Amino acid sequence: MRIETMRITPDICAHWMKNRVCNRVPLRPYNVEKFREILQAGQFRTTHQGFALDLHGCLIDGQHRAQAIIDTGISVTAQVTYDLEPDAFAAIDGGRVRTAGDHVAQASGMAQNNANYYGAALKILRNRAEGLHWTRWSAGKLTADEIPALMASWPIPESRINYMLAKGRQCHASGTGLLISHQIILEKWPEHVAELFFRGIGDASREYVGKDPRAVYTNTMLNVNKGVISRDSVQQSAQAIKAFNALIAGETIGTLKKMKMGGVKVVRDRETGEEIEQQYLADRYPGVIDVQTISQNWPHAESV
């Protein structure tokens, strides 16, 4: 690693930005605008923070400054660090700027949007694996160091993420929720059986009659826009698993309700008429139905 203080011109920045293929963190317009204002006001100062390039000459830090210099045409004197190890990216602004999706994109080469969904799913799956109650599955943050092991534990190809996002758009379901439920189902069932459920939600559900669980799930998710159903990914993953269980068992379901959080309710004592507070526990997250012969009660079940 070597450090040099030098004059940074728009041409140099343009070269760096063109060759930043290793850095998949998206430009944030707010940050670029902040640096544009600093440059235009003549307030840019030379400090220890400048630009960093890895061993391959890829810009791994300073992209917002570089874009602002390109936009304004203003050159500055700044510190440039060369020859960093590529994995140094994970330690740069790790707790401030980089998100789990950023680190997933860096590690996997996925498109940023897909990496964001993957990162969100990994956090929930990690918390579940650590034994946290479902009400805590969305808590906490992932660090860059955790990402490789988590991706190895729950490998989700980009093609599947695209598929689940497309399914989610068809019925306003959470892409993260679908990814989570799919991974949990795969803990017991082979993928071709899980596909029986996921292929049959969304627009395809219009082909089904009666109270087919796939159609019920679709209609339930469509109620998201009406505020009837929670947008929370954990809630939606639970509803997907309930519908999957019903499909496999050949059961009829009329609706899918969200899981209730724990709390306190006021009840009236029948003998005294006095109002008393009564605590109740949060609902349990549904388990996936055990492996069994798949019911043929629903249309197209035999096509798996």
Foldseek 3Di string as FASTA:
>chain_A
DDKDWDKAFLVNLVVQVVQQLLQQDDDDVVLLVVLLVCVVVVNDDEDQDAWEAAQVRHTLDHNSNSVSRNVNRDMDIYMYHYHHHSVCSLVPCQPHRDAQLRLQCNVPVDRSVLSVLVSQLLQLVVCVVVPDANVCSNDDGDGSVCPVVSCVVPPDDSVVLVLLVVLCVLQVADSSLVSNLLSQLVVADPNVLVCVQSVCAGPNVVVWDDQQLRVQLSVQSNCVVVVQADNDSSQNNLSSQVNSQCQQVVHGDDHGHGWAAWDWDWDADPPPRDIDIDTDHTDHRDHHDHDDHGDPNTPPSVVD
